[in-house]
Amino acid sequence: MDLNDEITIAAPRETVYAALNDADVLRVCIPGCEELEKRSDTELAARVKLKIGPVKATFKGDVTLDPSDAPAAFSLKGEGNGGVAGFAKGGADVELEETGPAETVLRYTAKAEIGGKLAQLGSRLVQSTAKKLSGQFFEAFKARVEGG
């Protein structure tokens, strides 16, 4: 499954980058996030409760960040286990382009792989749910960054 999109945020690139690396900001923006712990500058642990079609699951997982091109770009990869619901793993490349003194375009390309009951739901349902959840995240993230 592949997802990509872009969003314009009325804030300088450094502000957007800092927010993307702030566990408290991410915790309130990620749909269904119950817990997000920053273990180091490049490692996070998360617990997220989701409903995808008829399947409800709590996923526990780890995310690793690669900030080697920061603040212009970075990548992340992670995997989570939802018990009998299955698993998800994947990654994303994020690009932050400053288009003005206080405007940044955030572009991302993400790839994910799922297994277990989730994989049996059908790719259209999973894809549409993933797109909806990413849209909710970026709307909340934009509002949080722009609102301070």
N, C-alpha and C. Protein backbone atom coordinates (compact mmCIF):
# COMPACT_ATOMS: atom_id res chain seq x y z
N MET A 1 0.85 -1.17 0.00
CA MET A 1 0.00 0.00 0.00
C MET A 1 0.90 1.24 0.00
N ASP A 2 0.60 2.18 -0.87
CA ASP A 2 1.36 3.42 -0.96
C ASP A 2 0.44 4.61 -0.70
N LEU A 3 0.96 5.60 0.01
CA LEU A 3 0.26 6.85 0.27
C LEU A 3 1.22 7.99 -0.01
N ASN A 4 0.71 9.07 -0.58
CA ASN A 4 1.52 10.27 -0.69
C ASN A 4 0.60 11.47 -0.75
N ASP A 5 1.09 12.58 -0.25
CA ASP A 5 0.29 13.80 -0.21
C ASP A 5 1.21 14.95 0.16
N GLU A 6 0.66 16.15 0.14
CA GLU A 6 1.39 17.31 0.62
C GLU A 6 0.42 18.26 1.29
N ILE A 7 0.96 19.06 2.20
CA ILE A 7 0.17 20.02 2.93
C ILE A 7 1.02 21.26 3.15
N THR A 8 0.40 22.44 3.04
CA THR A 8 1.10 23.69 3.28
C THR A 8 0.79 24.16 4.70
N ILE A 9 1.85 24.46 5.45
CA ILE A 9 1.72 24.87 6.84
C ILE A 9 2.31 26.28 6.98
N ALA A 10 1.56 27.15 7.60
CA ALA A 10 1.99 28.54 7.80
C ALA A 10 2.94 28.63 8.98
N ALA A 11 4.16 28.14 8.77
CA ALA A 11 5.20 28.19 9.80
C ALA A 11 6.54 27.94 9.13
N PRO A 12 7.63 28.46 9.71
CA PRO A 12 8.95 28.19 9.15
C PRO A 12 9.30 26.70 9.21
N ARG A 13 10.18 26.28 8.32
CA ARG A 13 10.57 24.85 8.24
C ARG A 13 11.09 24.33 9.57
N GLU A 14 11.92 25.10 10.27
CA GLU A 14 12.48 24.63 11.54
C GLU A 14 11.38 24.36 12.57
N THR A 15 10.33 25.18 12.55
CA THR A 15 9.20 24.99 13.48
C THR A 15 8.45 23.70 13.15
N VAL A 16 8.22 23.47 11.86
CA VAL A 16 7.52 22.25 11.42
C VAL A 16 8.35 21.02 11.77
N TYR A 17 9.64 21.09 11.48
CA TYR A 17 10.54 19.96 11.78
C TYR A 17 10.55 19.67 13.29
N ALA A 18 10.66 20.72 14.09
CA ALA A 18 10.68 20.53 15.55
C ALA A 18 9.38 19.87 16.03
N ALA A 19 8.24 20.28 15.47
CA ALA A 19 6.95 19.69 15.86
C ALA A 19 6.86 18.23 15.46
N LEU A 20 7.43 17.87 14.30
CA LEU A 20 7.42 16.48 13.86
C LEU A 20 8.29 15.59 14.75
N ASN A 21 9.15 16.20 15.54
CA ASN A 21 10.02 15.46 16.44
C ASN A 21 9.64 15.63 17.90
N ASP A 22 8.46 16.20 18.15
CA ASP A 22 7.98 16.44 19.50
C ASP A 22 6.92 15.38 19.84
N ALA A 23 7.26 14.49 20.74
CA ALA A 23 6.35 13.40 21.09
C ALA A 23 5.01 13.91 21.61
N ASP A 24 5.00 15.02 22.34
CA ASP A 24 3.74 15.56 22.86
C ASP A 24 2.84 16.04 21.73
N VAL A 25 3.41 16.70 20.73
CA VAL A 25 2.63 17.15 19.57
C VAL A 25 2.09 15.95 18.81
N LEU A 26 2.95 14.98 18.53
CA LEU A 26 2.53 13.80 17.78
C LEU A 26 1.45 13.02 18.51
N ARG A 27 1.58 12.89 19.82
CA ARG A 27 0.61 12.11 20.61
C ARG A 27 -0.81 12.64 20.44
N VAL A 28 -0.97 13.98 20.43
CA VAL A 28 -2.31 14.53 20.30
C VAL A 28 -2.80 14.56 18.84
N CYS A 29 -1.90 14.43 17.89
CA CYS A 29 -2.29 14.50 16.48
C CYS A 29 -2.55 13.13 15.85
N ILE A 30 -1.92 12.09 16.35
CA ILE A 30 -2.08 10.75 15.78
C ILE A 30 -3.44 10.19 16.20
N PRO A 31 -4.32 9.87 15.23
CA PRO A 31 -5.63 9.31 15.58
C PRO A 31 -5.48 8.01 16.39
N GLY A 32 -6.18 7.94 17.51
CA GLY A 32 -6.19 6.73 18.32
C GLY A 32 -4.95 6.52 19.17
N CYS A 33 -4.03 7.49 19.19
CA CYS A 33 -2.78 7.32 19.96
C CYS A 33 -3.08 7.36 21.45
N GLU A 34 -2.72 6.30 22.14
CA GLU A 34 -2.91 6.24 23.59
C GLU A 34 -1.61 6.53 24.33
N GLU A 35 -0.51 6.24 23.68
CA GLU A 35 0.78 6.43 24.33
C GLU A 35 1.85 6.62 23.26
N LEU A 36 2.76 7.57 23.49
CA LEU A 36 3.89 7.78 22.60
C LEU A 36 5.06 8.21 23.46
N GLU A 37 6.08 7.39 23.46
CA GLU A 37 7.24 7.63 24.33
C GLU A 37 8.48 7.80 23.48
N LYS A 38 9.20 8.89 23.72
CA LYS A 38 10.45 9.13 23.02
C LYS A 38 11.56 8.44 23.80
N ARG A 39 12.15 7.42 23.19
CA ARG A 39 13.21 6.67 23.87
C ARG A 39 14.58 7.30 23.64
N SER A 40 14.74 7.94 22.47
CA SER A 40 15.98 8.65 22.14
C SER A 40 15.63 9.65 21.05
N ASP A 41 16.63 10.34 20.52
CA ASP A 41 16.38 11.30 19.45
C ASP A 41 15.90 10.63 18.17
N THR A 42 16.12 9.32 18.05
CA THR A 42 15.73 8.62 16.81
C THR A 42 14.79 7.44 17.04
N GLU A 43 14.36 7.22 18.28
CA GLU A 43 13.50 6.06 18.55
C GLU A 43 12.28 6.45 19.38
N LEU A 44 11.12 5.96 18.92
CA LEU A 44 9.85 6.18 19.62
C LEU A 44 9.15 4.84 19.83
N ALA A 45 8.37 4.74 20.89
CA ALA A 45 7.51 3.58 21.12
C ALA A 45 6.09 4.11 21.20
N ALA A 46 5.15 3.38 20.57
CA ALA A 46 3.78 3.87 20.51
C ALA A 46 2.77 2.77 20.82
N ARG A 47 1.59 3.22 21.28
CA ARG A 47 0.43 2.33 21.40
C ARG A 47 -0.74 3.10 20.82
N VAL A 48 -1.35 2.51 19.78
CA VAL A 48 -2.43 3.17 19.04
C VAL A 48 -3.61 2.21 18.93
N LYS A 49 -4.80 2.72 19.25
CA LYS A 49 -6.02 1.91 19.13
C LYS A 49 -6.77 2.36 17.88
N LEU A 50 -7.04 1.40 16.98
CA LEU A 50 -7.70 1.71 15.71
C LEU A 50 -8.84 0.76 15.42
N LYS A 51 -9.76 1.23 14.60
CA LYS A 51 -10.83 0.39 14.06
C LYS A 51 -10.76 0.51 12.55
N ILE A 52 -10.53 -0.62 11.91
CA ILE A 52 -10.47 -0.67 10.45
C ILE A 52 -11.55 -1.65 10.01
N GLY A 53 -12.62 -1.11 9.45
CA GLY A 53 -13.76 -1.96 9.12
C GLY A 53 -14.28 -2.60 10.39
N PRO A 54 -14.48 -3.93 10.38
CA PRO A 54 -14.98 -4.60 11.58
C PRO A 54 -13.90 -4.96 12.60
N VAL A 55 -12.64 -4.68 12.27
CA VAL A 55 -11.54 -5.09 13.14
C VAL A 55 -11.09 -3.93 14.03
N LYS A 56 -11.14 -4.18 15.35
CA LYS A 56 -10.63 -3.21 16.32
C LYS A 56 -9.36 -3.82 16.91
N ALA A 57 -8.34 -3.00 17.03
CA ALA A 57 -7.09 -3.52 17.58
C ALA A 57 -6.29 -2.41 18.23
N THR A 58 -5.48 -2.82 19.19
CA THR A 58 -4.50 -1.92 19.79
C THR A 58 -3.14 -2.38 19.29
N PHE A 59 -2.47 -1.48 18.61
CA PHE A 59 -1.15 -1.79 18.06
C PHE A 59 -0.08 -1.22 18.97
N LYS A 60 0.92 -2.05 19.23
CA LYS A 60 2.10 -1.60 19.95
C LYS A 60 3.25 -1.70 18.97
N GLY A 61 4.04 -0.63 18.90
CA GLY A 61 5.11 -0.68 17.93
C GLY A 61 6.24 0.29 18.21
N ASP A 62 7.24 0.19 17.37
CA ASP A 62 8.42 1.02 17.47
C ASP A 62 8.64 1.76 16.16
N VAL A 63 9.12 3.00 16.27
CA VAL A 63 9.41 3.83 15.11
C VAL A 63 10.86 4.30 15.22
N THR A 64 11.59 4.22 14.11
CA THR A 64 12.96 4.70 14.06
C THR A 64 13.05 5.83 13.04
N LEU A 65 13.64 6.95 13.44
CA LEU A 65 13.78 8.11 12.57
C LEU A 65 15.20 8.18 12.02
N ASP A 66 15.32 8.65 10.77
CA ASP A 66 16.62 8.92 10.18
C ASP A 66 16.67 10.40 9.81
N PRO A 67 17.25 11.23 10.69
CA PRO A 67 17.26 12.68 10.46
C PRO A 67 18.50 13.17 9.70
N SER A 68 19.16 12.31 8.94
CA SER A 68 20.44 12.68 8.34
C SER A 68 20.34 13.86 7.36
N ASP A 69 19.17 14.11 6.77
CA ASP A 69 19.00 15.25 5.86
C ASP A 69 18.17 16.38 6.49
N ALA A 70 18.02 16.36 7.79
CA ALA A 70 17.19 17.35 8.49
C ALA A 70 17.81 18.74 8.39
N PRO A 71 17.00 19.79 8.42
CA PRO A 71 15.54 19.81 8.51
C PRO A 71 14.84 19.76 7.16
N ALA A 72 15.58 19.62 6.06
CA ALA A 72 14.95 19.59 4.74
C ALA A 72 14.18 18.30 4.49
N ALA A 73 14.64 17.19 5.04
CA ALA A 73 13.99 15.91 4.80
C ALA A 73 14.41 14.92 5.89
N PHE A 74 13.59 13.93 6.09
CA PHE A 74 13.95 12.82 6.96
C PHE A 74 13.10 11.62 6.60
N SER A 75 13.48 10.47 7.09
CA SER A 75 12.69 9.27 6.83
C SER A 75 12.44 8.57 8.15
N LEU A 76 11.45 7.71 8.13
CA LEU A 76 11.14 6.93 9.31
C LEU A 76 10.67 5.56 8.88
N LYS A 77 10.86 4.61 9.77
CA LYS A 77 10.34 3.27 9.53
C LYS A 77 9.87 2.70 10.85
N GLY A 78 8.90 1.81 10.76
CA GLY A 78 8.38 1.26 11.98
C GLY A 78 7.58 0.00 11.73
N GLU A 79 7.25 -0.64 12.82
CA GLU A 79 6.36 -1.79 12.75
C GLU A 79 5.59 -1.92 14.03
N GLY A 80 4.37 -2.43 13.89
CA GLY A 80 3.50 -2.58 15.04
C GLY A 80 2.77 -3.90 14.98
N ASN A 81 2.41 -4.40 16.15
CA ASN A 81 1.70 -5.66 16.24
C ASN A 81 0.37 -5.43 16.94
N GLY A 82 -0.70 -5.90 16.31
CA GLY A 82 -2.03 -5.76 16.88
C GLY A 82 -2.60 -7.06 17.37
N GLY A 83 -1.73 -7.99 17.77
CA GLY A 83 -2.20 -9.28 18.27
C GLY A 83 -2.90 -10.06 17.18
N VAL A 84 -4.12 -10.58 17.47
CA VAL A 84 -4.84 -11.39 16.49
C VAL A 84 -5.27 -10.58 15.28
N ALA A 85 -5.33 -9.26 15.39
CA ALA A 85 -5.72 -8.43 14.25
C ALA A 85 -4.65 -8.42 13.17
N GLY A 86 -3.41 -8.65 13.57
CA GLY A 86 -2.34 -8.71 12.59
C GLY A 86 -1.23 -7.72 12.89
N PHE A 87 -0.48 -7.40 11.84
CA PHE A 87 0.65 -6.52 12.00
C PHE A 87 0.69 -5.50 10.88
N ALA A 88 1.44 -4.47 11.11
CA ALA A 88 1.68 -3.47 10.07
C ALA A 88 3.14 -3.05 10.17
N LYS A 89 3.77 -2.87 9.02
CA LYS A 89 5.13 -2.33 9.02
C LYS A 89 5.32 -1.51 7.76
N GLY A 90 6.20 -0.54 7.86
CA GLY A 90 6.42 0.31 6.71
C GLY A 90 7.32 1.47 7.03
N GLY A 91 7.28 2.45 6.14
CA GLY A 91 8.13 3.61 6.32
C GLY A 91 7.62 4.79 5.52
N ALA A 92 8.25 5.93 5.74
CA ALA A 92 7.84 7.14 5.03
C ALA A 92 9.06 8.04 4.82
N ASP A 93 9.03 8.75 3.71
CA ASP A 93 10.01 9.79 3.44
C ASP A 93 9.26 11.11 3.48
N VAL A 94 9.80 12.06 4.25
CA VAL A 94 9.16 13.36 4.43
C VAL A 94 10.11 14.44 3.93
N GLU A 95 9.56 15.36 3.15
CA GLU A 95 10.34 16.48 2.64
C GLU A 95 9.69 17.77 3.12
N LEU A 96 10.49 18.69 3.62
CA LEU A 96 10.00 19.98 4.08
C LEU A 96 10.63 21.07 3.22
N GLU A 97 9.80 21.73 2.42
CA GLU A 97 10.29 22.78 1.54
C GLU A 97 9.77 24.13 2.03
N GLU A 98 10.70 25.01 2.37
CA GLU A 98 10.32 26.33 2.81
C GLU A 98 9.97 27.16 1.57
N THR A 99 8.71 27.60 1.47
CA THR A 99 8.26 28.34 0.30
C THR A 99 8.07 29.82 0.58
N GLY A 100 8.35 30.23 1.78
CA GLY A 100 8.26 31.64 2.19
C GLY A 100 8.86 31.78 3.56
N PRO A 101 8.94 32.99 4.09
CA PRO A 101 9.55 33.17 5.42
C PRO A 101 8.79 32.45 6.53
N ALA A 102 7.50 32.25 6.34
CA ALA A 102 6.71 31.56 7.36
C ALA A 102 5.73 30.59 6.69
N GLU A 103 6.25 29.83 5.70
CA GLU A 103 5.40 28.86 5.01
C GLU A 103 6.25 27.67 4.59
N THR A 104 5.76 26.48 4.90
CA THR A 104 6.47 25.25 4.59
C THR A 104 5.52 24.26 3.93
N VAL A 105 5.97 23.64 2.84
CA VAL A 105 5.22 22.57 2.21
C VAL A 105 5.80 21.25 2.71
N LEU A 106 4.94 20.45 3.33
CA LEU A 106 5.32 19.13 3.81
C LEU A 106 4.82 18.11 2.80
N ARG A 107 5.74 17.34 2.23
CA ARG A 107 5.38 16.26 1.29
C ARG A 107 5.81 14.93 1.90
N TYR A 108 4.98 13.92 1.72
CA TYR A 108 5.38 12.61 2.22
C TYR A 108 5.00 11.52 1.24
N THR A 109 5.79 10.47 1.26
CA THR A 109 5.52 9.25 0.52
C THR A 109 5.67 8.12 1.52
N ALA A 110 4.65 7.31 1.67
CA ALA A 110 4.69 6.23 2.66
C ALA A 110 4.34 4.90 2.00
N LYS A 111 4.96 3.86 2.50
CA LYS A 111 4.67 2.50 2.07
C LYS A 111 4.40 1.67 3.30
N ALA A 112 3.40 0.80 3.21
CA ALA A 112 3.06 -0.05 4.35
C ALA A 112 2.72 -1.45 3.87
N GLU A 113 2.96 -2.39 4.75
CA GLU A 113 2.64 -3.79 4.50
C GLU A 113 1.86 -4.28 5.71
N ILE A 114 0.79 -5.02 5.47
CA ILE A 114 -0.03 -5.52 6.58
C ILE A 114 -0.20 -7.02 6.46
N GLY A 115 -0.50 -7.66 7.58
CA GLY A 115 -0.73 -9.10 7.59
C GLY A 115 -1.76 -9.45 8.64
N GLY A 116 -2.18 -10.69 8.66
CA GLY A 116 -3.17 -11.15 9.62
C GLY A 116 -4.58 -10.79 9.17
N LYS A 117 -5.49 -10.61 10.12
CA LYS A 117 -6.88 -10.28 9.80
C LYS A 117 -6.99 -9.00 8.98
N LEU A 118 -6.10 -8.04 9.24
CA LEU A 118 -6.13 -6.79 8.49
C LEU A 118 -5.97 -7.04 6.99
N ALA A 119 -5.10 -7.94 6.64
CA ALA A 119 -4.85 -8.22 5.22
C ALA A 119 -6.07 -8.87 4.56
N GLN A 120 -6.92 -9.49 5.34
CA GLN A 120 -8.10 -10.16 4.80
C GLN A 120 -9.24 -9.19 4.54
N LEU A 121 -9.13 -7.94 5.01
CA LEU A 121 -10.22 -6.98 4.86
C LEU A 121 -10.37 -6.45 3.44
N GLY A 122 -9.33 -6.55 2.68
CA GLY A 122 -9.40 -6.00 1.33
C GLY A 122 -8.62 -4.71 1.24
N SER A 123 -7.88 -4.58 0.17
CA SER A 123 -6.97 -3.45 0.05
C SER A 123 -7.71 -2.11 -0.07
N ARG A 124 -8.91 -2.10 -0.67
CA ARG A 124 -9.62 -0.83 -0.80
C ARG A 124 -10.03 -0.26 0.55
N LEU A 125 -10.53 -1.11 1.43
CA LEU A 125 -10.93 -0.66 2.75
C LEU A 125 -9.72 -0.18 3.55
N VAL A 126 -8.65 -0.95 3.52
CA VAL A 126 -7.45 -0.59 4.27
C VAL A 126 -6.86 0.70 3.71
N GLN A 127 -6.80 0.82 2.39
CA GLN A 127 -6.24 2.02 1.75
C GLN A 127 -7.07 3.26 2.10
N SER A 128 -8.39 3.15 2.01
CA SER A 128 -9.24 4.31 2.30
C SER A 128 -9.15 4.70 3.78
N THR A 129 -9.04 3.71 4.66
CA THR A 129 -8.90 4.00 6.09
C THR A 129 -7.55 4.66 6.36
N ALA A 130 -6.50 4.16 5.74
CA ALA A 130 -5.17 4.76 5.92
C ALA A 130 -5.15 6.20 5.42
N LYS A 131 -5.79 6.44 4.29
CA LYS A 131 -5.83 7.80 3.73
C LYS A 131 -6.62 8.73 4.68
N LYS A 132 -7.74 8.23 5.21
CA LYS A 132 -8.55 9.02 6.14
C LYS A 132 -7.76 9.34 7.41
N LEU A 133 -7.06 8.35 7.96
CA LEU A 133 -6.28 8.56 9.19
C LEU A 133 -5.12 9.52 8.96
N SER A 134 -4.45 9.41 7.81
CA SER A 134 -3.35 10.33 7.54
C SER A 134 -3.89 11.75 7.36
N GLY A 135 -5.06 11.88 6.73
CA GLY A 135 -5.68 13.20 6.58
C GLY A 135 -6.01 13.80 7.94
N GLN A 136 -6.55 12.98 8.85
CA GLN A 136 -6.86 13.46 10.20
C GLN A 136 -5.59 13.90 10.93
N PHE A 137 -4.52 13.11 10.77
CA PHE A 137 -3.27 13.47 11.42
C PHE A 137 -2.77 14.82 10.92
N PHE A 138 -2.71 15.00 9.59
CA PHE A 138 -2.13 16.22 9.05
C PHE A 138 -3.00 17.45 9.31
N GLU A 139 -4.32 17.29 9.35
CA GLU A 139 -5.18 18.41 9.72
C GLU A 139 -4.91 18.83 11.16
N ALA A 140 -4.82 17.85 12.07
CA ALA A 140 -4.55 18.15 13.47
C ALA A 140 -3.15 18.73 13.64
N PHE A 141 -2.18 18.18 12.90
CA PHE A 141 -0.81 18.66 13.00
C PHE A 141 -0.70 20.11 12.51
N LYS A 142 -1.32 20.39 11.38
CA LYS A 142 -1.30 21.75 10.84
C LYS A 142 -1.92 22.72 11.84
N ALA A 143 -3.08 22.38 12.38
CA ALA A 143 -3.75 23.25 13.34
C ALA A 143 -2.88 23.48 14.58
N ARG A 144 -2.23 22.44 15.02
CA ARG A 144 -1.38 22.54 16.22
C ARG A 144 -0.17 23.44 15.96
N VAL A 145 0.49 23.24 14.82
CA VAL A 145 1.69 24.02 14.50
C VAL A 145 1.34 25.48 14.24
N GLU A 146 0.28 25.71 13.47
CA GLU A 146 -0.10 27.07 13.14
C GLU A 146 -0.68 27.81 14.35
N GLY A 147 -1.32 27.06 15.24
CA GLY A 147 -1.93 27.67 16.42
C GLY A 147 -0.96 27.84 17.58
N GLY A 148 0.28 27.33 17.39
CA GLY A 148 1.27 27.47 18.46
C GLY A 148 1.15 26.34 19.42
